Structures are given as C-alpha cells and as structure tokens.
Amino acid sequence: MNTAAYGLHETLEVHELAAFKTLCMTKAKAMKLLVSDPELKQILLDDVEISTRQLQELSHILANSDIREMRS
C-alpha cells in the first residue's frame, strides 16, 4: 500500500487510533501490577506485547504520511 496516498483526514484517524491504543496499553501495564490472577496477568501481558507491535506499525504509517509535507 502506498502511504503517500493518505489524505489529511485518514492521517488524523490513524493518529487518533495511535492515541487510543497508547491509552489502552498504559492502562494494561498499570493493571497488570494490581492483578493477582496469573491467567488475567498473562492476558494483560499479551495485550501489551500486541499493542506495542501495533503502535510501531501505526507510527510507521504516520511517519510516511503526507502530513509532513502539509506542515511545510
């Protein structure tokens, strides 16, 4: 997929997704410290790992979007 074809509204939507995903990951990290059930703790750890990968992908999309050109 050509990331340069993203419009401003699409780039902003990806930014919103990244912000929401960051919030969810922060909450999962905080909650895993409070959880005593090993199964639930593993679910939270898995969520943090998956969220980290997803945020890297979203970051890559944002880094290659047209919004850089619009700031100039």
PDB file of N, CA and C in Angstrom:
ATOM      1  N   MET A   1       0.839  -1.171   0.000  1.00  0.00           N
ATOM      2  CA  MET A   1       0.000   0.000   0.000  1.00  0.00           C
ATOM      3  C   MET A   1       0.889   1.240   0.000  1.00  0.00           C
ATOM      4  N   ASN A   2       0.552   2.205  -0.802  1.00  0.00           N
ATOM      5  CA  ASN A   2       1.318   3.436  -0.905  1.00  0.00           C
ATOM      6  C   ASN A   2       0.864   4.404   0.181  1.00  0.00           C
ATOM      7  N   THR A   3       1.728   4.654   1.167  1.00  0.00           N
ATOM      8  CA  THR A   3       1.337   5.520   2.276  1.00  0.00           C
ATOM      9  C   THR A   3       1.246   6.979   1.866  1.00  0.00           C
ATOM     10  N   ALA A   4       1.887   7.357   0.771  1.00  0.00           N
ATOM     11  CA  ALA A   4       1.844   8.744   0.333  1.00  0.00           C
ATOM     12  C   ALA A   4       0.454   9.129  -0.167  1.00  0.00           C
ATOM     13  N   ALA A   5      -0.413   8.160  -0.402  1.00  0.00           N
ATOM     14  CA  ALA A   5      -1.749   8.432  -0.919  1.00  0.00           C
ATOM     15  C   ALA A   5      -2.736   8.790   0.197  1.00  0.00           C
ATOM     16  N   TYR A   6      -2.314   8.748   1.448  1.00  0.00           N
ATOM     17  CA  TYR A   6      -3.222   9.063   2.550  1.00  0.00           C
ATOM     18  C   TYR A   6      -3.541  10.546   2.573  1.00  0.00           C
ATOM     19  N   GLY A   7      -4.807  10.851   2.763  1.00  0.00           N
ATOM     20  CA  GLY A   7      -5.235  12.234   2.897  1.00  0.00           C
ATOM     21  C   GLY A   7      -5.107  12.676   4.343  1.00  0.00           C
ATOM     22  N   LEU A   8      -5.334  13.945   4.565  1.00  0.00           N
ATOM     23  CA  LEU A   8      -5.219  14.502   5.914  1.00  0.00           C
ATOM     24  C   LEU A   8      -6.185  13.820   6.878  1.00  0.00           C
ATOM     25  N   HIS A   9      -7.438  13.616   6.463  1.00  0.00           N
ATOM     26  CA  HIS A   9      -8.416  13.001   7.363  1.00  0.00           C
ATOM     27  C   HIS A   9      -8.028  11.569   7.723  1.00  0.00           C
ATOM     28  N   GLU A  10      -7.443  10.849   6.786  1.00  0.00           N
ATOM     29  CA  GLU A  10      -7.006   9.476   7.072  1.00  0.00           C
ATOM     30  C   GLU A  10      -5.825   9.475   8.030  1.00  0.00           C
ATOM     31  N   THR A  11      -4.916  10.406   7.822  1.00  0.00           N
ATOM     32  CA  THR A  11      -3.759  10.508   8.706  1.00  0.00           C
ATOM     33  C   THR A  11      -4.206  10.865  10.123  1.00  0.00           C
ATOM     34  N   LEU A  12      -5.155  11.769  10.243  1.00  0.00           N
ATOM     35  CA  LEU A  12      -5.659  12.145  11.565  1.00  0.00           C
ATOM     36  C   LEU A  12      -6.381  10.985  12.238  1.00  0.00           C
ATOM     37  N   GLU A  13      -7.076  10.170  11.468  1.00  0.00           N
ATOM     38  CA  GLU A  13      -7.736   8.995  12.041  1.00  0.00           C
ATOM     39  C   GLU A  13      -6.708   7.990  12.562  1.00  0.00           C
ATOM     40  N   VAL A  14      -5.620   7.814  11.832  1.00  0.00           N
ATOM     41  CA  VAL A  14      -4.554   6.924  12.306  1.00  0.00           C
ATOM     42  C   VAL A  14      -3.953   7.490  13.584  1.00  0.00           C
ATOM     43  N   HIS A  15      -3.783   8.802  13.640  1.00  0.00           N
ATOM     44  CA  HIS A  15      -3.263   9.442  14.849  1.00  0.00           C
ATOM     45  C   HIS A  15      -4.199   9.206  16.035  1.00  0.00           C
ATOM     46  N   GLU A  16      -5.499   9.306  15.809  1.00  0.00           N
ATOM     47  CA  GLU A  16      -6.479   9.036  16.868  1.00  0.00           C
ATOM     48  C   GLU A  16      -6.393   7.586  17.334  1.00  0.00           C
ATOM     49  N   LEU A  17      -6.238   6.662  16.392  1.00  0.00           N
ATOM     50  CA  LEU A  17      -6.095   5.245  16.750  1.00  0.00           C
ATOM     51  C   LEU A  17      -4.847   5.031  17.605  1.00  0.00           C
ATOM     52  N   ALA A  18      -3.748   5.677  17.216  1.00  0.00           N
ATOM     53  CA  ALA A  18      -2.500   5.533  17.964  1.00  0.00           C
ATOM     54  C   ALA A  18      -2.646   6.094  19.377  1.00  0.00           C
ATOM     55  N   ALA A  19      -3.324   7.220  19.506  1.00  0.00           N
ATOM     56  CA  ALA A  19      -3.529   7.811  20.832  1.00  0.00           C
ATOM     57  C   ALA A  19      -4.384   6.898  21.706  1.00  0.00           C
ATOM     58  N   PHE A  20      -5.451   6.354  21.126  1.00  0.00           N
ATOM     59  CA  PHE A  20      -6.321   5.457  21.886  1.00  0.00           C
ATOM     60  C   PHE A  20      -5.579   4.173  22.262  1.00  0.00           C
ATOM     61  N   LYS A  21      -4.811   3.628  21.340  1.00  0.00           N
ATOM     62  CA  LYS A  21      -4.073   2.387  21.605  1.00  0.00           C
ATOM     63  C   LYS A  21      -3.026   2.620  22.698  1.00  0.00           C
ATOM     64  N   THR A  22      -2.402   3.799  22.696  1.00  0.00           N
ATOM     65  CA  THR A  22      -1.428   4.135  23.732  1.00  0.00           C
ATOM     66  C   THR A  22      -2.096   4.189  25.101  1.00  0.00           C
ATOM     67  N   LEU A  23      -3.270   4.791  25.151  1.00  0.00           N
ATOM     68  CA  LEU A  23      -4.018   4.864  26.404  1.00  0.00           C
ATOM     69  C   LEU A  23      -4.367   3.462  26.914  1.00  0.00           C
ATOM     70  N   CYS A  24      -4.839   2.609  26.021  1.00  0.00           N
ATOM     71  CA  CYS A  24      -5.202   1.231  26.407  1.00  0.00           C
ATOM     72  C   CYS A  24      -3.981   0.460  26.898  1.00  0.00           C
ATOM     73  N   MET A  25      -2.852   0.636  26.223  1.00  0.00           N
ATOM     74  CA  MET A  25      -1.637  -0.076  26.621  1.00  0.00           C
ATOM     75  C   MET A  25      -1.152   0.414  27.987  1.00  0.00           C
ATOM     76  N   THR A  26      -1.229   1.706  28.225  1.00  0.00           N
ATOM     77  CA  THR A  26      -0.828   2.261  29.515  1.00  0.00           C
ATOM     78  C   THR A  26      -1.699   1.686  30.629  1.00  0.00           C
ATOM     79  N   LYS A  27      -2.988   1.582  30.370  1.00  0.00           N
ATOM     80  CA  LYS A  27      -3.896   1.027  31.369  1.00  0.00           C
ATOM     81  C   LYS A  27      -3.590  -0.452  31.625  1.00  0.00           C
ATOM     82  N   ALA A  28      -3.316  -1.217  30.569  1.00  0.00           N
ATOM     83  CA  ALA A  28      -2.990  -2.639  30.735  1.00  0.00           C
ATOM     84  C   ALA A  28      -1.710  -2.800  31.546  1.00  0.00           C
ATOM     85  N   LYS A  29      -0.714  -1.950  31.291  1.00  0.00           N
ATOM     86  CA  LYS A  29       0.540  -2.014  32.053  1.00  0.00           C
ATOM     87  C   LYS A  29       0.304  -1.709  33.527  1.00  0.00           C
ATOM     88  N   ALA A  30      -0.528  -0.713  33.801  1.00  0.00           N
ATOM     89  CA  ALA A  30      -0.824  -0.355  35.192  1.00  0.00           C
ATOM     90  C   ALA A  30      -1.626  -1.449  35.879  1.00  0.00           C
ATOM     91  N   MET A  31      -2.594  -2.006  35.183  1.00  0.00           N
ATOM     92  CA  MET A  31      -3.460  -3.017  35.789  1.00  0.00           C
ATOM     93  C   MET A  31      -2.720  -4.321  36.075  1.00  0.00           C
ATOM     94  N   LYS A  32      -1.724  -4.653  35.253  1.00  0.00           N
ATOM     95  CA  LYS A  32      -1.023  -5.921  35.490  1.00  0.00           C
ATOM     96  C   LYS A  32      -0.287  -5.919  36.820  1.00  0.00           C
ATOM     97  N   LEU A  33       0.039  -4.728  37.322  1.00  0.00           N
ATOM     98  CA  LEU A  33       0.680  -4.637  38.633  1.00  0.00           C
ATOM     99  C   LEU A  33      -0.300  -4.917  39.771  1.00  0.00           C
ATOM    100  N   LEU A  34      -1.584  -4.736  39.508  1.00  0.00           N
ATOM    101  CA  LEU A  34      -2.608  -4.908  40.542  1.00  0.00           C
ATOM    102  C   LEU A  34      -3.278  -6.277  40.499  1.00  0.00           C
ATOM    103  N   VAL A  35      -3.064  -7.017  39.428  1.00  0.00           N
ATOM    104  CA  VAL A  35      -3.762  -8.289  39.221  1.00  0.00           C
ATOM    105  C   VAL A  35      -2.991  -9.430  39.875  1.00  0.00           C
ATOM    106  N   SER A  36      -3.719 -10.284  40.574  1.00  0.00           N
ATOM    107  CA  SER A  36      -3.074 -11.435  41.204  1.00  0.00           C
ATOM    108  C   SER A  36      -3.338 -12.739  40.440  1.00  0.00           C
ATOM    109  N   ASP A  37      -4.394 -12.784  39.644  1.00  0.00           N
ATOM    110  CA  ASP A  37      -4.726 -13.983  38.878  1.00  0.00           C
ATOM    111  C   ASP A  37      -3.712 -14.156  37.744  1.00  0.00           C
ATOM    112  N   PRO A  38      -3.005 -15.288  37.701  1.00  0.00           N
ATOM    113  CA  PRO A  38      -1.969 -15.476  36.682  1.00  0.00           C
ATOM    114  C   PRO A  38      -2.501 -15.469  35.246  1.00  0.00           C
ATOM    115  N   GLU A  39      -3.691 -16.007  35.043  1.00  0.00           N
ATOM    116  CA  GLU A  39      -4.261 -16.044  33.701  1.00  0.00           C
ATOM    117  C   GLU A  39      -4.597 -14.625  33.209  1.00  0.00           C
ATOM    118  N   LEU A  40      -5.184 -13.843  34.079  1.00  0.00           N
ATOM    119  CA  LEU A  40      -5.512 -12.461  33.715  1.00  0.00           C
ATOM    120  C   LEU A  40      -4.243 -11.637  33.509  1.00  0.00           C
ATOM    121  N   LYS A  41      -3.243 -11.883  34.346  1.00  0.00           N
ATOM    122  CA  LYS A  41      -1.966 -11.176  34.192  1.00  0.00           C
ATOM    123  C   LYS A  41      -1.343 -11.507  32.840  1.00  0.00           C
ATOM    124  N   GLN A  42      -1.432 -12.757  32.406  1.00  0.00           N
ATOM    125  CA  GLN A  42      -0.886 -13.154  31.104  1.00  0.00           C
ATOM    126  C   GLN A  42      -1.655 -12.492  29.965  1.00  0.00           C
ATOM    127  N   ILE A  43      -2.964 -12.386  30.104  1.00  0.00           N
ATOM    128  CA  ILE A  43      -3.771 -11.699  29.091  1.00  0.00           C
ATOM    129  C   ILE A  43      -3.311 -10.248  28.961  1.00  0.00           C
ATOM    130  N   LEU A  44      -3.084  -9.586  30.086  1.00  0.00           N
ATOM    131  CA  LEU A  44      -2.626  -8.202  30.058  1.00  0.00           C
ATOM    132  C   LEU A  44      -1.232  -8.086  29.442  1.00  0.00           C
ATOM    133  N   LEU A  45      -0.349  -9.015  29.782  1.00  0.00           N
ATOM    134  CA  LEU A  45       0.996  -9.010  29.195  1.00  0.00           C
ATOM    135  C   LEU A  45       0.938  -9.222  27.682  1.00  0.00           C
ATOM    136  N   ASP A  46       0.092 -10.140  27.249  1.00  0.00           N
ATOM    137  CA  ASP A  46      -0.084 -10.375  25.810  1.00  0.00           C
ATOM    138  C   ASP A  46      -0.626  -9.133  25.117  1.00  0.00           C
ATOM    139  N   ASP A  47      -1.564  -8.463  25.768  1.00  0.00           N
ATOM    140  CA  ASP A  47      -2.138  -7.244  25.196  1.00  0.00           C
ATOM    141  C   ASP A  47      -1.078  -6.155  25.055  1.00  0.00           C
ATOM    142  N   VAL A  48      -0.222  -6.017  26.042  1.00  0.00           N
ATOM    143  CA  VAL A  48       0.852  -5.018  25.975  1.00  0.00           C
ATOM    144  C   VAL A  48       1.793  -5.337  24.817  1.00  0.00           C
ATOM    145  N   GLU A  49       2.136  -6.602  24.661  1.00  0.00           N
ATOM    146  CA  GLU A  49       3.039  -7.005  23.575  1.00  0.00           C
ATOM    147  C   GLU A  49       2.420  -6.734  22.199  1.00  0.00           C
ATOM    148  N   ILE A  50       1.173  -7.109  22.033  1.00  0.00           N
ATOM    149  CA  ILE A  50       0.482  -6.890  20.758  1.00  0.00           C
ATOM    150  C   ILE A  50       0.313  -5.394  20.499  1.00  0.00           C
ATOM    151  N   SER A  51      -0.066  -4.655  21.527  1.00  0.00           N
ATOM    152  CA  SER A  51      -0.251  -3.212  21.378  1.00  0.00           C
ATOM    153  C   SER A  51       1.052  -2.523  20.983  1.00  0.00           C
ATOM    154  N   THR A  52       2.160  -2.980  21.526  1.00  0.00           N
ATOM    155  CA  THR A  52       3.461  -2.405  21.176  1.00  0.00           C
ATOM    156  C   THR A  52       3.741  -2.576  19.695  1.00  0.00           C
ATOM    157  N   ARG A  53       3.492  -3.762  19.185  1.00  0.00           N
ATOM    158  CA  ARG A  53       3.698  -4.007  17.739  1.00  0.00           C
ATOM    159  C   ARG A  53       2.751  -3.156  16.901  1.00  0.00           C
ATOM    160  N   GLN A  54       1.504  -3.069  17.318  1.00  0.00           N
ATOM    161  CA  GLN A  54       0.528  -2.280  16.568  1.00  0.00           C
ATOM    162  C   GLN A  54       0.895  -0.796  16.572  1.00  0.00           C
ATOM    163  N   LEU A  55       1.384  -0.297  17.690  1.00  0.00           N
ATOM    164  CA  LEU A  55       1.796   1.102  17.751  1.00  0.00           C
ATOM    165  C   LEU A  55       3.016   1.368  16.867  1.00  0.00           C
ATOM    166  N   GLN A  56       3.903   0.397  16.756  1.00  0.00           N
ATOM    167  CA  GLN A  56       5.035   0.550  15.844  1.00  0.00           C
ATOM    168  C   GLN A  56       4.549   0.646  14.406  1.00  0.00           C
ATOM    169  N   GLU A  57       3.574  -0.169  14.050  1.00  0.00           N
ATOM    170  CA  GLU A  57       3.010  -0.121  12.699  1.00  0.00           C
ATOM    171  C   GLU A  57       2.308   1.214  12.442  1.00  0.00           C
ATOM    172  N   LEU A  58       1.528   1.676  13.407  1.00  0.00           N
ATOM    173  CA  LEU A  58       0.845   2.954  13.258  1.00  0.00           C
ATOM    174  C   LEU A  58       1.856   4.100  13.166  1.00  0.00           C
ATOM    175  N   SER A  59       2.916   4.003  13.941  1.00  0.00           N
ATOM    176  CA  SER A  59       3.964   5.023  13.894  1.00  0.00           C
ATOM    177  C   SER A  59       4.622   5.062  12.524  1.00  0.00           C
ATOM    178  N   HIS A  60       4.839   3.899  11.948  1.00  0.00           N
ATOM    179  CA  HIS A  60       5.426   3.830  10.609  1.00  0.00           C
ATOM    180  C   HIS A  60       4.496   4.482   9.583  1.00  0.00           C
ATOM    181  N   ILE A  61       3.218   4.215   9.697  1.00  0.00           N
ATOM    182  CA  ILE A  61       2.242   4.819   8.787  1.00  0.00           C
ATOM    183  C   ILE A  61       2.262   6.334   8.925  1.00  0.00           C
ATOM    184  N   LEU A  62       2.270   6.810  10.164  1.00  0.00           N
ATOM    185  CA  LEU A  62       2.277   8.256  10.385  1.00  0.00           C
ATOM    186  C   LEU A  62       3.563   8.905   9.886  1.00  0.00           C
ATOM    187  N   ALA A  63       4.676   8.222  10.060  1.00  0.00           N
ATOM    188  CA  ALA A  63       5.962   8.778   9.624  1.00  0.00           C
ATOM    189  C   ALA A  63       6.022   8.910   8.109  1.00  0.00           C
ATOM    190  N   ASN A  64       5.294   8.072   7.404  1.00  0.00           N
ATOM    191  CA  ASN A  64       5.331   8.089   5.945  1.00  0.00           C
ATOM    192  C   ASN A  64       4.128   8.772   5.311  1.00  0.00           C
ATOM    193  N   SER A  65       3.321   9.426   6.119  1.00  0.00           N
ATOM    194  CA  SER A  65       2.122  10.059   5.571  1.00  0.00           C
ATOM    195  C   SER A  65       2.443  11.428   4.988  1.00  0.00           C
ATOM    196  N   ASP A  66       1.492  11.978   4.281  1.00  0.00           N
ATOM    197  CA  ASP A  66       1.645  13.289   3.643  1.00  0.00           C
ATOM    198  C   ASP A  66       1.610  14.438   4.636  1.00  0.00           C
ATOM    199  N   ILE A  67       1.286  14.175   5.882  1.00  0.00           N
ATOM    200  CA  ILE A  67       1.136  15.267   6.844  1.00  0.00           C
ATOM    201  C   ILE A  67       2.463  16.011   7.032  1.00  0.00           C
ATOM    202  N   ARG A  68       3.583  15.342   6.834  1.00  0.00           N
ATOM    203  CA  ARG A  68       4.890  16.012   6.930  1.00  0.00           C
ATOM    204  C   ARG A  68       4.975  17.128   5.905  1.00  0.00           C
ATOM    205  N   GLU A  69       4.487  16.859   4.710  1.00  0.00           N
ATOM    206  CA  GLU A  69       4.536  17.845   3.635  1.00  0.00           C
ATOM    207  C   GLU A  69       3.575  18.994   3.911  1.00  0.00           C
ATOM    208  N   MET A  70       2.484  18.736   4.604  1.00  0.00           N
ATOM    209  CA  MET A  70       1.490  19.765   4.867  1.00  0.00           C
ATOM    210  C   MET A  70       1.985  20.752   5.920  1.00  0.00           C
ATOM    211  N   ARG A  71       2.914  20.330   6.790  1.00  0.00           N
ATOM    212  CA  ARG A  71       3.449  21.200   7.819  1.00  0.00           C
ATOM    213  C   ARG A  71       4.387  22.248   7.229  1.00  0.00           C
ATOM    214  N   SER A  72       4.982  21.965   6.095  1.00  0.00           N
ATOM    215  CA  SER A  72       5.963  22.859   5.498  1.00  0.00           C
ATOM    216  C   SER A  72       5.340  24.107   4.944  1.00  0.00           C
TER     217      SER A  72
END
